[in-house]
C-alpha atoms as a PDB file:
ATOM      1  CA  MET A   1      55.971   4.537   8.804  1.00  0.00           C
ATOM      2  CA  PHE A   2      53.243   6.773   8.234  1.00  0.00           C
ATOM      3  CA  VAL A   3      51.692   6.476   4.537  1.00  0.00           C
ATOM      4  CA  PRO A   4      49.054   9.026   3.755  1.00  0.00           C
ATOM      5  CA  THR A   5      48.020   7.120   0.412  1.00  0.00           C
ATOM      6  CA  ALA A   6      48.212   3.116   0.753  1.00  0.00           C
ATOM      7  CA  ILE A   7      47.649   0.858  -2.045  1.00  0.00           C
ATOM      8  CA  ARG A   8      46.870  -2.728  -0.732  1.00  0.00           C
ATOM      9  CA  PHE A   9      47.304  -5.412  -3.157  1.00  0.00           C
ATOM     10  CA  SER A  10      45.451  -8.689  -2.655  1.00  0.00           C
ATOM     11  CA  LYS A  11      48.312 -10.701  -3.673  1.00  0.00           C
ATOM     12  CA  ASP A  12      51.656 -10.209  -5.343  1.00  0.00           C
ATOM     13  CA  VAL A  13      50.417  -8.887  -8.867  1.00  0.00           C
ATOM     14  CA  ARG A  14      52.633  -8.624 -11.928  1.00  0.00           C
ATOM     15  CA  PHE A  15      51.024  -7.194 -14.978  1.00  0.00           C
ATOM     16  CA  ARG A  16      51.953  -8.095 -18.527  1.00  0.00           C
ATOM     17  CA  ASP A  17      52.830  -4.887 -20.740  1.00  0.00           C
ATOM     18  CA  ALA A  18      49.950  -3.310 -19.012  1.00  0.00           C
ATOM     19  CA  VAL A  19      47.597  -0.045 -19.693  1.00  0.00           C
ATOM     20  CA  LEU A  20      46.218   1.803 -16.666  1.00  0.00           C
ATOM     21  CA  PHE A  21      43.086   3.388 -17.305  1.00  0.00           C
ATOM     22  CA  THR A  22      41.678   5.942 -14.805  1.00  0.00           C
ATOM     23  CA  GLY A  23      38.119   6.867 -14.268  1.00  0.00           C
ATOM     24  CA  LEU A  24      37.680   9.030 -10.874  1.00  0.00           C
ATOM     25  CA  PRO A  25      35.040  11.565 -10.379  1.00  0.00           C
ATOM     26  CA  GLY A  26      35.591  14.876 -12.380  1.00  0.00           C
ATOM     27  CA  ILE A  27      33.713  17.029 -14.893  1.00  0.00           C
ATOM     28  CA  GLY A  28      30.687  15.444 -16.071  1.00  0.00           C
ATOM     29  CA  LEU A  29      31.700  12.174 -14.668  1.00  0.00           C
ATOM     30  CA  VAL A  30      32.853  11.332 -18.086  1.00  0.00           C
ATOM     31  CA  GLY A  31      35.813   9.161 -16.984  1.00  0.00           C
ATOM     32  CA  LYS A  32      34.053   7.441 -14.241  1.00  0.00           C
ATOM     33  CA  ILE A  33      31.336   6.440 -16.471  1.00  0.00           C
ATOM     34  CA  CYS A  34      33.548   5.218 -19.047  1.00  0.00           C
ATOM     35  CA  VAL A  35      35.389   3.032 -16.660  1.00  0.00           C
ATOM     36  CA  ASP A  36      32.498   1.620 -14.545  1.00  0.00           C
ATOM     37  CA  TYR A  37      30.949   0.731 -17.631  1.00  0.00           C
ATOM     38  CA  MET A  38      34.053  -1.255 -18.821  1.00  0.00           C
ATOM     39  CA  LEU A  39      34.333  -3.049 -15.320  1.00  0.00           C
ATOM     40  CA  ARG A  40      30.849  -4.236 -15.510  1.00  0.00           C
ATOM     41  CA  GLN A  41      31.329  -5.492 -19.200  1.00  0.00           C
ATOM     42  CA  PHE A  42      34.706  -6.990 -18.533  1.00  0.00           C
ATOM     43  CA  LYS A  43      33.999  -8.352 -15.089  1.00  0.00           C
ATOM     44  CA  ALA A  44      37.314  -7.534 -14.077  1.00  0.00           C
ATOM     45  CA  GLU A  45      39.258  -8.967 -10.994  1.00  0.00           C
ATOM     46  CA  LYS A  46      39.815  -6.527  -7.940  1.00  0.00           C
ATOM     47  CA  VAL A  47      43.401  -6.807  -7.389  1.00  0.00           C
ATOM     48  CA  ALA A  48      44.012  -3.790  -4.898  1.00  0.00           C
ATOM     49  CA  GLU A  49      42.235  -1.142  -2.493  1.00  0.00           C
ATOM     50  CA  VAL A  50      43.370   2.469  -2.200  1.00  0.00           C
ATOM     51  CA  THR A  51      42.805   4.468   0.932  1.00  0.00           C
ATOM     52  CA  SER A  52      43.942   7.851   1.538  1.00  0.00           C
ATOM     53  CA  ASP A  53      44.080  10.596   4.229  1.00  0.00           C
ATOM     54  CA  PHE A  54      43.365  13.077   1.311  1.00  0.00           C
ATOM     55  CA  PHE A  55      39.900  11.638   0.857  1.00  0.00           C
ATOM     56  CA  PRO A  56      36.726  13.131   2.247  1.00  0.00           C
ATOM     57  CA  PRO A  57      36.808  12.964   6.234  1.00  0.00           C
ATOM     58  CA  SER A  58      33.922  10.427   6.153  1.00  0.00           C
ATOM     59  CA  VAL A  59      32.999   6.891   6.288  1.00  0.00           C
ATOM     60  CA  GLN A  60      30.650   5.024   3.874  1.00  0.00           C
ATOM     61  CA  THR A  61      27.835   2.819   5.035  1.00  0.00           C
ATOM     62  CA  SER A  62      26.260  -0.285   3.626  1.00  0.00           C
ATOM     63  CA  ASP A  63      23.311  -1.854   5.368  1.00  0.00           C
ATOM     64  CA  GLY A  64      24.319   0.026   8.519  1.00  0.00           C
ATOM     65  CA  ILE A  65      27.944  -1.119   8.389  1.00  0.00           C
ATOM     66  CA  VAL A  66      30.748   1.482   8.141  1.00  0.00           C
ATOM     67  CA  GLY A  67      33.815   1.299   6.403  1.00  0.00           C
ATOM     68  CA  LEU A  68      36.604   3.815   5.099  1.00  0.00           C
ATOM     69  CA  ILE A  69      36.165   5.370   1.615  1.00  0.00           C
ATOM     70  CA  LYS A  70      38.168   3.534  -0.939  1.00  0.00           C
ATOM     71  CA  ASP A  71      39.074   3.475  -4.492  1.00  0.00           C
ATOM     72  CA  GLU A  72      39.983   0.312  -6.366  1.00  0.00           C
ATOM     73  CA  LEU A  73      42.177  -1.388  -8.838  1.00  0.00           C
ATOM     74  CA  HIS A  74      40.802  -3.980 -11.045  1.00  0.00           C
ATOM     75  CA  CYS A  75      42.564  -6.127 -13.746  1.00  0.00           C
ATOM     76  CA  VAL A  76      41.516  -8.077 -17.072  1.00  0.00           C
ATOM     77  CA  SER A  77      43.760  -9.765 -19.336  1.00  0.00           C
ATOM     78  CA  PHE A  78      43.255  -9.653 -23.284  1.00  0.00           C
ATOM     79  CA  GLY A  79      45.748 -11.590 -25.172  1.00  0.00           C
ATOM     80  CA  LYS A  80      49.491 -10.831 -24.402  1.00  0.00           C
ATOM     81  CA  LYS A  81      48.161  -7.439 -22.485  1.00  0.00           C
ATOM     82  CA  ASP A  82      46.847  -6.695 -19.291  1.00  0.00           C
ATOM     83  CA  PHE A  83      44.449  -3.751 -18.653  1.00  0.00           C
ATOM     84  CA  VAL A  84      44.272  -2.196 -15.038  1.00  0.00           C
ATOM     85  CA  PHE A  85      41.549   0.261 -13.891  1.00  0.00           C
ATOM     86  CA  LEU A  86      41.593   2.718 -11.362  1.00  0.00           C
ATOM     87  CA  SER A  87      37.959   3.440 -10.264  1.00  0.00           C
ATOM     88  CA  GLY A  88      36.227   4.684  -7.242  1.00  0.00           C
ATOM     89  CA  PRO A  89      33.864   7.355  -5.634  1.00  0.00           C
ATOM     90  CA  VAL A  90      36.550   9.896  -4.884  1.00  0.00           C
ATOM     91  CA  GLN A  91      39.918  11.603  -5.596  1.00  0.00           C
ATOM     92  CA  PRO A  92      41.663  14.470  -3.656  1.00  0.00           C
ATOM     93  CA  ALA A  93      39.464  17.638  -3.435  1.00  0.00           C
ATOM     94  CA  LEU A  94      40.511  20.617  -5.633  1.00  0.00           C
ATOM     95  CA  ASP A  95      40.049  23.595  -3.452  1.00  0.00           C
ATOM     96  CA  SER A  96      41.824  26.556  -2.050  1.00  0.00           C
ATOM     97  CA  ARG A  97      42.768  24.895   1.116  1.00  0.00           C
ATOM     98  CA  ALA A  98      46.418  25.077   2.341  1.00  0.00           C
ATOM     99  CA  GLY A  99      48.084  21.713   1.550  1.00  0.00           C
ATOM    100  CA  SER A 100      45.379  20.715  -1.118  1.00  0.00           C
ATOM    101  CA  MET A 101      47.724  20.796  -4.062  1.00  0.00           C
ATOM    102  CA  GLU A 102      50.244  18.699  -2.289  1.00  0.00           C
ATOM    103  CA  GLU A 103      47.715  16.131  -1.558  1.00  0.00           C
ATOM    104  CA  HIS A 104      46.963  15.396  -5.272  1.00  0.00           C
ATOM    105  CA  PHE A 105      50.759  15.323  -6.074  1.00  0.00           C
ATOM    106  CA  GLU A 106      51.250  12.551  -3.179  1.00  0.00           C
ATOM    107  CA  PHE A 107      48.151  10.746  -4.210  1.00  0.00           C
ATOM    108  CA  ALA A 108      49.189  10.514  -7.866  1.00  0.00           C
ATOM    109  CA  ARG A 109      52.848   9.701  -6.913  1.00  0.00           C
ATOM    110  CA  ALA A 110      51.628   6.762  -4.848  1.00  0.00           C
ATOM    111  CA  ILE A 111      49.556   5.298  -7.615  1.00  0.00           C
ATOM    112  CA  VAL A 112      52.512   5.608 -10.134  1.00  0.00           C
ATOM    113  CA  ALA A 113      54.881   4.158  -7.996  1.00  0.00           C
ATOM    114  CA  ALA A 114      52.612   1.038  -7.172  1.00  0.00           C
ATOM    115  CA  VAL A 115      51.766   0.158 -10.795  1.00  0.00           C
ATOM    116  CA  LYS A 116      55.377   1.107 -12.515  1.00  0.00           C
ATOM    117  CA  GLY A 117      56.868  -1.611 -10.219  1.00  0.00           C
ATOM    118  CA  ARG A 118      54.054  -4.165 -11.435  1.00  0.00           C
ATOM    119  CA  GLY A 119      54.331  -3.854 -15.121  1.00  0.00           C
ATOM    120  CA  VAL A 120      52.228  -0.915 -16.339  1.00  0.00           C
ATOM    121  CA  THR A 121      53.874   0.794 -19.264  1.00  0.00           C
ATOM    122  CA  GLU A 122      51.212   3.058 -20.407  1.00  0.00           C
ATOM    123  CA  ILE A 123      48.753   5.326 -18.413  1.00  0.00           C
ATOM    124  CA  CYS A 124      45.455   6.468 -20.150  1.00  0.00           C
ATOM    125  CA  THR A 125      43.399   8.938 -18.033  1.00  0.00           C
ATOM    126  CA  LEU A 126      39.585   9.437 -19.011  1.00  0.00           C
ATOM    127  CA  ALA A 127      38.003  12.813 -18.172  1.00  0.00           C
ATOM    128  CA  GLY A 128      35.689  15.411 -19.087  1.00  0.00           C
ATOM    129  CA  ILE A 129      36.487  19.029 -20.660  1.00  0.00           C
ATOM    130  CA  ASN A 130      33.804  21.698 -20.192  1.00  0.00           C
ATOM    131  CA  VAL A 131      32.751  23.434 -23.372  1.00  0.00           C
ATOM    132  CA  GLY A 132      29.636  25.187 -21.588  1.00  0.00           C
ATOM    133  CA  ASP A 133      26.416  25.276 -23.401  1.00  0.00           C
ATOM    134  CA  ARG A 134      27.942  24.199 -26.653  1.00  0.00           C
ATOM    135  CA  ARG A 135      27.490  20.635 -25.323  1.00  0.00           C
ATOM    136  CA  MET A 136      23.767  21.042 -25.509  1.00  0.00           C
ATOM    137  CA  HIS A 137      23.722  21.865 -29.381  1.00  0.00           C
ATOM    138  CA  PHE A 138      26.752  19.720 -30.778  1.00  0.00           C
ATOM    139  CA  GLU A 139      27.742  16.260 -30.627  1.00  0.00           C
ATOM    140  CA  PRO A 140      30.648  16.097 -27.990  1.00  0.00           C
ATOM    141  CA  ARG A 141      34.207  15.258 -29.448  1.00  0.00           C
ATOM    142  CA  VAL A 142      36.934  13.719 -27.689  1.00  0.00           C
ATOM    143  CA  VAL A 143      40.159  15.984 -26.872  1.00  0.00           C
ATOM    144  CA  VAL A 144      43.497  14.568 -26.213  1.00  0.00           C
ATOM    145  CA  ALA A 145      46.629  15.521 -24.526  1.00  0.00           C
ATOM    146  CA  ALA A 146      49.790  12.902 -24.574  1.00  0.00           C
ATOM    147  CA  THR A 147      53.238  12.663 -23.113  1.00  0.00           C
ATOM    148  CA  SER A 148      54.866  12.565 -26.593  1.00  0.00           C
ATOM    149  CA  LYS A 149      54.011  13.784 -30.079  1.00  0.00           C
ATOM    150  CA  LYS A 150      54.268   9.984 -31.393  1.00  0.00           C
ATOM    151  CA  LYS A 151      51.508   9.111 -28.689  1.00  0.00           C
ATOM    152  CA  LEU A 152      49.395  12.332 -29.575  1.00  0.00           C
ATOM    153  CA  GLU A 153      49.473  11.247 -33.199  1.00  0.00           C
ATOM    154  CA  GLU A 154      48.169   7.798 -32.619  1.00  0.00           C
ATOM    155  CA  TRP A 155      45.077   9.160 -30.893  1.00  0.00           C
ATOM    156  CA  LYS A 156      44.370  11.760 -33.528  1.00  0.00           C
ATOM    157  CA  LYS A 157      44.436   9.329 -36.056  1.00  0.00           C
ATOM    158  CA  LEU A 158      41.379   7.663 -34.491  1.00  0.00           C
ATOM    159  CA  GLY A 159      39.538  10.849 -34.371  1.00  0.00           C
ATOM    160  CA  ALA A 160      40.858  12.816 -31.303  1.00  0.00           C
ATOM    161  CA  ILE A 161      41.249  16.477 -31.537  1.00  0.00           C
ATOM    162  CA  SER A 162      44.092  18.627 -30.168  1.00  0.00           C
ATOM    163  CA  ASP A 163      43.097  22.124 -30.923  1.00  0.00           C
ATOM    164  CA  LYS A 164      44.513  24.345 -27.889  1.00  0.00           C
ATOM    165  CA  PRO A 165      48.244  25.212 -28.160  1.00  0.00           C
ATOM    166  CA  VAL A 166      48.192  25.562 -24.302  1.00  0.00           C
ATOM    167  CA  GLY A 167      45.981  24.148 -21.582  1.00  0.00           C
ATOM    168  CA  LEU A 168      45.670  22.614 -18.062  1.00  0.00           C
ATOM    169  CA  ILE A 169      44.419  19.399 -16.775  1.00  0.00           C
ATOM    170  CA  SER A 170      43.758  19.423 -13.115  1.00  0.00           C
ATOM    171  CA  GLY A 171      43.678  16.572 -10.727  1.00  0.00           C
ATOM    172  CA  VAL A 172      44.488  13.033 -10.789  1.00  0.00           C
ATOM    173  CA  ALA A 173      43.755  12.862 -14.696  1.00  0.00           C
ATOM    174  CA  GLY A 174      46.578  15.328 -15.258  1.00  0.00           C
ATOM    175  CA  LEU A 175      49.082  14.576 -12.538  1.00  0.00           C
ATOM    176  CA  LEU A 176      49.306  10.768 -13.380  1.00  0.00           C
ATOM    177  CA  LEU A 177      50.514  11.539 -16.783  1.00  0.00           C
ATOM    178  CA  GLY A 178      52.777  14.236 -15.689  1.00  0.00           C
ATOM    179  CA  ILE A 179      54.606  12.180 -13.048  1.00  0.00           C
ATOM    180  CA  GLY A 180      54.337   9.091 -15.202  1.00  0.00           C
ATOM    181  CA  ARG A 181      56.298  10.778 -17.896  1.00  0.00           C
ATOM    182  CA  GLU A 182      59.024  11.625 -15.433  1.00  0.00           C
ATOM    183  CA  GLU A 183      59.093   7.992 -14.495  1.00  0.00           C
ATOM    184  CA  GLY A 184      59.237   6.994 -18.057  1.00  0.00           C
ATOM    185  CA  ILE A 185      55.860   5.741 -18.569  1.00  0.00           C
ATOM    186  CA  GLU A 186      54.031   7.140 -22.041  1.00  0.00           C
ATOM    187  CA  GLY A 187      50.354   8.125 -21.832  1.00  0.00           C
ATOM    188  CA  ALA A 188      47.464  10.364 -22.727  1.00  0.00           C
ATOM    189  CA  CYS A 189      44.426  11.939 -21.362  1.00  0.00           C
ATOM    190  CA  LEU A 190      41.195  11.364 -23.390  1.00  0.00           C
ATOM    191  CA  MET A 191      38.613  14.392 -22.457  1.00  0.00           C
ATOM    192  CA  GLY A 192      35.149  14.137 -23.622  1.00  0.00           C
ATOM    193  CA  GLU A 193      33.481  17.440 -24.253  1.00  0.00           C
ATOM    194  CA  THR A 194      30.773  18.103 -21.904  1.00  0.00           C
ATOM    195  CA  ASN A 195      29.185  20.586 -19.602  1.00  0.00           C
ATOM    196  CA  SER A 196      30.350  21.146 -15.939  1.00  0.00           C
ATOM    197  CA  ARG A 197      26.706  21.572 -14.693  1.00  0.00           C
ATOM    198  CA  LEU A 198      26.037  18.077 -15.640  1.00  0.00           C
ATOM    199  CA  VAL A 199      26.711  16.946 -12.022  1.00  0.00           C
ATOM    200  CA  TYR A 200      24.739  13.387 -12.531  1.00  0.00           C
ATOM    201  CA  GLY A 201      26.962  12.518 -15.594  1.00  0.00           C
ATOM    202  CA  ASP A 202      27.056  12.913 -19.221  1.00  0.00           C
ATOM    203  CA  PRO A 203      26.960   9.485 -21.000  1.00  0.00           C
ATOM    204  CA  GLY A 204      26.951  11.000 -24.353  1.00  0.00           C
ATOM    205  CA  ALA A 205      30.555  12.194 -23.975  1.00  0.00           C
ATOM    206  CA  ALA A 206      31.598   8.952 -21.943  1.00  0.00           C
ATOM    207  CA  LYS A 207      30.382   6.958 -25.149  1.00  0.00           C
ATOM    208  CA  LYS A 208      32.376   8.999 -27.451  1.00  0.00           C
ATOM    209  CA  VAL A 209      35.684   8.259 -25.212  1.00  0.00           C
ATOM    210  CA  LEU A 210      34.760   4.624 -24.972  1.00  0.00           C
ATOM    211  CA  GLU A 211      34.085   4.276 -28.696  1.00  0.00           C
ATOM    212  CA  MET A 212      37.787   5.729 -29.189  1.00  0.00           C
ATOM    213  CA  LEU A 213      39.157   2.994 -26.462  1.00  0.00           C
ATOM    214  CA  ILE A 214      37.325   0.240 -28.544  1.00  0.00           C
ATOM    215  CA  ALA A 215      38.947   1.418 -31.791  1.00  0.00           C
ATOM    216  CA  LYS A 216      42.514   1.569 -30.104  1.00  0.00           C
ATOM    217  CA  TYR A 217      42.543  -1.363 -27.995  1.00  0.00           C
ATOM    218  CA  GLY A 218      40.035  -3.827 -30.088  1.00  0.00           C
ATOM    219  CA  PHE A 219      37.932  -4.265 -26.824  1.00  0.00           C
ATOM    220  CA  LYS A 220      34.538  -6.124 -27.267  1.00  0.00           C
ATOM    221  CA  VAL A 221      31.922  -4.178 -25.346  1.00  0.00           C
ATOM    222  CA  GLU A 222      28.187  -4.569 -25.641  1.00  0.00           C
ATOM    223  CA  MET A 223      27.145  -0.798 -26.229  1.00  0.00           C
ATOM    224  CA  ALA A 224      23.335  -1.108 -26.073  1.00  0.00           C
ATOM    225  CA  GLN A 225      23.056   0.365 -22.586  1.00  0.00           C
ATOM    226  CA  MET A 226      25.561   3.120 -22.994  1.00  0.00           C
ATOM    227  CA  GLU A 227      23.754   3.985 -26.316  1.00  0.00           C
ATOM    228  CA  LYS A 228      20.468   4.245 -24.558  1.00  0.00           C
ATOM    229  CA  GLU A 229      21.756   6.627 -21.918  1.00  0.00           C
ATOM    230  CA  ALA A 230      23.364   8.553 -24.410  1.00  0.00           C
ATOM    231  CA  LYS A 231      20.463   8.984 -26.553  1.00  0.00           C
ATOM    232  CA  ASP A 232      18.215   9.859 -23.398  1.00  0.00           C
ATOM    233  CA  ILE A 233      20.778  12.848 -22.482  1.00  0.00           C
ATOM    234  CA  GLU A 234      20.750  13.968 -26.174  1.00  0.00           C
ATOM    235  CA  LYS A 235      16.974  14.054 -26.251  1.00  0.00           C
ATOM    236  CA  ALA A 236      16.781  16.037 -23.062  1.00  0.00           C
ATOM    237  CA  PHE A 237      19.191  18.680 -24.493  1.00  0.00           C
ATOM    238  CA  ALA A 238      17.110  18.778 -27.700  1.00  0.00           C
ATOM    239  CA  ASP A 239      13.930  19.179 -25.596  1.00  0.00           C
ATOM    240  CA  LEU A 240      15.578  22.018 -23.538  1.00  0.00           C
ATOM    241  CA  THR A 241      17.010  23.996 -26.553  1.00  0.00           C
ATOM    242  CA  LYS A 242      13.378  23.881 -28.105  1.00  0.00           C
ATOM    243  CA  GLN A 243      12.107  25.287 -24.897  1.00  0.00           C
ATOM    244  CA  PHE A 244      14.529  28.020 -25.037  1.00  0.00           C
ATOM    245  CA  ASP A 245      13.816  28.843 -28.754  1.00  0.00           C
ATOM    246  CA  GLU A 246      10.066  29.019 -28.187  1.00  0.00           C
ATOM    247  CA  PRO A 247       8.629  32.646 -28.046  1.00  0.00           C
ATOM    248  CA  ASP A 248       7.144  33.633 -24.793  1.00  0.00           C
ATOM    249  CA  ASP A 249       3.659  34.817 -25.356  1.00  0.00           C
ATOM    250  CA  ASN A 250       3.372  36.648 -22.320  1.00  0.00           C
ATOM    251  CA  SER A 251       6.728  38.506 -22.576  1.00  0.00           C
ATOM    252  CA  SER A 252       5.280  41.658 -24.086  1.00  0.00           C
ATOM    253  CA  SER A 253       2.331  41.858 -21.585  1.00  0.00           C
ATOM    254  CA  LEU A 254       4.088  41.570 -18.464  1.00  0.00           C
ATOM    255  CA  SER A 255       6.434  44.414 -17.614  1.00  0.00           C
ATOM    256  CA  TYR A 256       7.257  43.418 -13.986  1.00  0.00           C
ATOM    257  CA  VAL A 257       8.102  40.393 -11.580  1.00  0.00           C
ATOM    258  CA  ARG A 258       5.123  38.808  -9.828  1.00  0.00           C
END
């Protein structure tokens, strides 16, 4: 039987009351930076590979050897709970092609089906939300949307905000929650405020999201490297803002472009 998205587990995994975190590439790479950082810190075990016909039509190379582009599932145990991480370099593309929307739904359904049957009881998707140039002038906040009022309030008590009556969450970060809710899995999307033009990533926004996860789940995470990267980007914003604020001494004497 043809399966456009395949999740291949390395063994017969059964998770314990598990939370699935997802951090695939998106706005400001916020979710990806956050999940990749946790994976390095926790030294989580890889338990599955995800391949899909909806990924870019390419192969990746390593030392001259080609292979299919894959996302991965990792798992780490803390106490009586397991934490599962969906990470990787790609997700189905968001564009205007015919069939593009169906690709996202199929991919998300495949992920939910794979983890639900193995003990995942909660989904927490991590993403970025574009606030434009506001990001250059203000400390990023964490915006939350959840599958229930109860779950929403849990995150708001930790400092997340939910200040918009209506909105959209595109891609896997949104669909995993929507499809998961239909399957009886609670969850939330944490979105760090960022600027969509930060194509190389926003560690400052990722740091805010990670701090909220630490507060919620009690993770022990060494934050020194994340804090350094966050400070670097905030300094870059400050320097750029200062340049914009400085008057141009030549502006009055030049009346034409040359």
